[in-house]
Amino acid sequence: MLGIFIFMKKKIRLTESELINLIKRIVKEEKFSTQDLTYNHPVTGKECKIKIARNKVTDTKFKRYGAVLTCDVYDNGKEMVVAELPATGPTPEYVNDLICDNLDTTIAMLDDMFENETEDLAESVESNRWTVIEDPIVCRSDKFLDY
């Protein structure tokens, strides 16, 4: 298959494999996504966000930051922490990479948590245990190809 493209008033002929390689290169250049990671809560149907939070309770340096799931539980525009993920680390960047490198596992873990949920955890994002960092988790865009 041969494609003809016009770039800056020049016609360029590309084979199918050249076109595929060009597209792959473009995708690789768009390395990062700055969208919030979202998760649809299976019980409430709400779109929740996976965020990084500073743990105020843990004293050890390694577990200073963790991942939490936040949702607008009461439809009042205020997000609440509804789940804690077992992704912890010494820096927000470490936790960010841990979540991004394990997206499938993270989603499966959340599904398991809510499948057997007996009581709701709804705690302010500025609680005694957590200070949620509002910056979105930033993953390489190739992590989202399956989602």
Protein backbone atom coordinates (compact mmCIF):
# COMPACT_ATOMS: atom_id res chain seq x y z
CA MET A 1 0.00 0.00 0.00
CA LEU A 2 1.35 3.40 -0.92
CA GLY A 3 0.16 6.65 0.62
CA ILE A 4 0.65 10.14 -0.74
CA PHE A 5 0.80 12.98 1.78
CA ILE A 6 1.28 16.69 1.27
CA PHE A 7 3.67 18.34 3.74
CA MET A 8 4.48 22.02 3.29
CA LYS A 9 3.41 21.91 -0.39
CA LYS A 10 5.48 18.81 -1.15
CA LYS A 11 4.09 15.42 -2.01
CA ILE A 12 5.66 12.57 -0.08
CA ARG A 13 5.11 8.91 -0.93
CA LEU A 14 5.19 6.46 1.95
CA THR A 15 4.88 2.72 2.02
CA GLU A 16 2.62 1.16 4.61
CA SER A 17 5.59 0.17 6.80
CA GLU A 18 7.06 3.70 6.57
CA LEU A 19 3.70 5.15 7.61
CA ILE A 20 3.46 2.75 10.56
CA ASN A 21 6.99 3.65 11.67
CA LEU A 22 6.18 7.36 11.41
CA ILE A 23 3.06 6.94 13.54
CA LYS A 24 5.00 4.92 16.14
CA ARG A 25 7.62 7.67 16.33
CA ILE A 26 4.94 10.32 16.85
CA VAL A 27 3.31 8.30 19.62
CA LYS A 28 6.67 7.85 21.35
CA GLU A 29 7.27 11.60 21.24
CA GLU A 30 4.01 12.16 23.09
CA LYS A 31 5.43 10.38 26.11
CA PHE A 32 3.33 11.58 28.99
CA SER A 33 -0.32 12.01 29.90
CA THR A 34 -1.28 14.59 32.51
CA GLN A 35 -4.87 13.43 32.90
CA ASP A 36 -6.05 12.17 36.23
CA LEU A 37 -6.16 8.40 36.45
CA THR A 38 -9.82 7.54 36.86
CA TYR A 39 -11.65 4.49 38.17
CA ASN A 40 -15.38 3.85 37.95
CA HIS A 41 -16.60 2.79 41.39
CA PRO A 42 -18.50 -0.50 40.83
CA VAL A 43 -20.94 0.09 43.72
CA THR A 44 -21.79 3.79 43.31
CA GLY A 45 -21.02 4.15 39.60
CA LYS A 46 -19.11 7.36 40.31
CA GLU A 47 -15.93 8.27 38.46
CA CYS A 48 -13.19 8.40 41.08
CA LYS A 49 -9.55 9.48 40.83
CA ILE A 50 -6.38 7.67 41.85
CA LYS A 51 -4.14 10.20 43.57
CA ILE A 52 -0.99 10.39 45.62
CA ALA A 53 -1.23 11.44 49.25
CA ARG A 54 1.21 12.19 52.02
CA ASN A 55 0.66 9.86 54.95
CA LYS A 56 0.66 11.89 58.18
CA VAL A 57 0.63 8.82 60.44
CA THR A 58 3.53 6.69 59.19
CA ASP A 59 6.87 7.52 60.75
CA THR A 60 9.12 5.46 58.49
CA LYS A 61 10.74 7.36 55.63
CA PHE A 62 9.96 4.64 53.08
CA LYS A 63 6.20 4.77 53.56
CA ARG A 64 5.75 8.54 53.69
CA TYR A 65 3.58 8.67 50.52
CA GLY A 66 0.84 6.40 49.28
CA ALA A 67 -1.90 6.09 46.69
CA VAL A 68 -5.56 6.72 47.49
CA LEU A 69 -8.83 6.68 45.59
CA THR A 70 -10.89 9.86 45.89
CA CYS A 71 -14.56 10.33 44.94
CA ASP A 72 -17.21 13.00 45.28
CA VAL A 73 -19.21 10.83 47.69
CA TYR A 74 -21.97 13.32 48.52
CA ASP A 75 -22.22 15.09 45.12
CA ASN A 76 -21.16 18.33 46.76
CA GLY A 77 -18.02 18.91 44.68
CA LYS A 78 -15.71 17.83 47.53
CA GLU A 79 -13.66 14.71 47.02
CA MET A 80 -13.19 12.26 49.85
CA VAL A 81 -10.70 9.42 50.27
CA VAL A 82 -12.69 6.20 49.77
CA ALA A 83 -9.86 3.65 49.52
CA GLU A 84 -6.19 3.29 50.34
CA LEU A 85 -3.98 1.39 47.91
CA PRO A 86 -0.97 -0.63 49.09
CA ALA A 87 1.37 1.47 46.95
CA THR A 88 3.73 3.34 49.24
CA GLY A 89 7.11 4.94 48.94
CA PRO A 90 9.52 7.66 50.04
CA THR A 91 8.54 10.22 47.39
CA PRO A 92 5.48 11.14 45.31
CA GLU A 93 7.48 10.29 42.17
CA TYR A 94 8.19 6.79 43.47
CA VAL A 95 4.49 6.14 44.12
CA ASN A 96 3.58 7.71 40.75
CA ASP A 97 5.89 5.27 38.94
CA LEU A 98 4.66 2.33 41.04
CA ILE A 99 1.04 3.04 40.05
CA CYS A 100 1.88 3.66 36.38
CA ASP A 101 3.97 0.51 36.08
CA ASN A 102 1.17 -1.58 37.62
CA LEU A 103 -2.07 -0.10 36.23
CA ASP A 104 -3.71 -3.47 35.55
CA THR A 105 -2.89 -4.72 39.04
CA THR A 106 -4.11 -1.44 40.59
CA ILE A 107 -7.48 -1.66 38.82
CA ALA A 108 -7.87 -5.35 39.73
CA MET A 109 -7.02 -4.56 43.35
CA LEU A 110 -9.67 -1.83 43.48
CA ASP A 111 -12.24 -4.19 41.94
CA ASP A 112 -11.44 -6.77 44.65
CA MET A 113 -11.67 -4.15 47.41
CA PHE A 114 -15.12 -2.99 46.39
CA GLU A 115 -16.45 -6.47 45.60
CA ASN A 116 -16.23 -7.39 49.30
CA GLU A 117 -16.82 -3.92 50.73
CA THR A 118 -18.93 -3.96 53.88
CA GLU A 119 -18.56 -0.37 55.03
CA ASP A 120 -17.62 2.83 53.32
CA LEU A 121 -14.39 4.64 54.02
CA ALA A 122 -15.10 8.31 53.43
CA GLU A 123 -12.53 10.58 54.90
CA SER A 124 -11.64 14.15 54.01
CA VAL A 125 -8.68 14.65 51.69
CA GLU A 126 -7.27 16.82 54.50
CA SER A 127 -7.81 14.28 57.28
CA ASN A 128 -5.59 13.34 60.20
CA ARG A 129 -4.08 10.54 58.11
CA TRP A 130 -3.75 11.96 54.57
CA THR A 131 -2.96 15.12 52.68
CA VAL A 132 -3.94 14.42 49.09
CA ILE A 133 -1.65 15.92 46.46
CA GLU A 134 -3.79 17.56 43.78
CA ASP A 135 -1.32 17.12 40.91
CA PRO A 136 -2.42 14.28 38.62
CA ILE A 137 -0.42 11.08 38.41
CA VAL A 138 1.65 11.35 35.22
CA CYS A 139 2.15 8.14 33.24
CA ARG A 140 3.78 7.51 29.89
CA SER A 141 1.03 7.49 27.28
CA ASP A 142 1.89 3.96 26.16
CA LYS A 143 0.56 2.75 29.53
CA PHE A 144 -2.93 3.81 28.40
CA LEU A 145 -3.04 1.87 25.14
CA ASP A 146 -5.13 -0.90 26.74
CA TYR A 147 -7.59 1.48 28.46
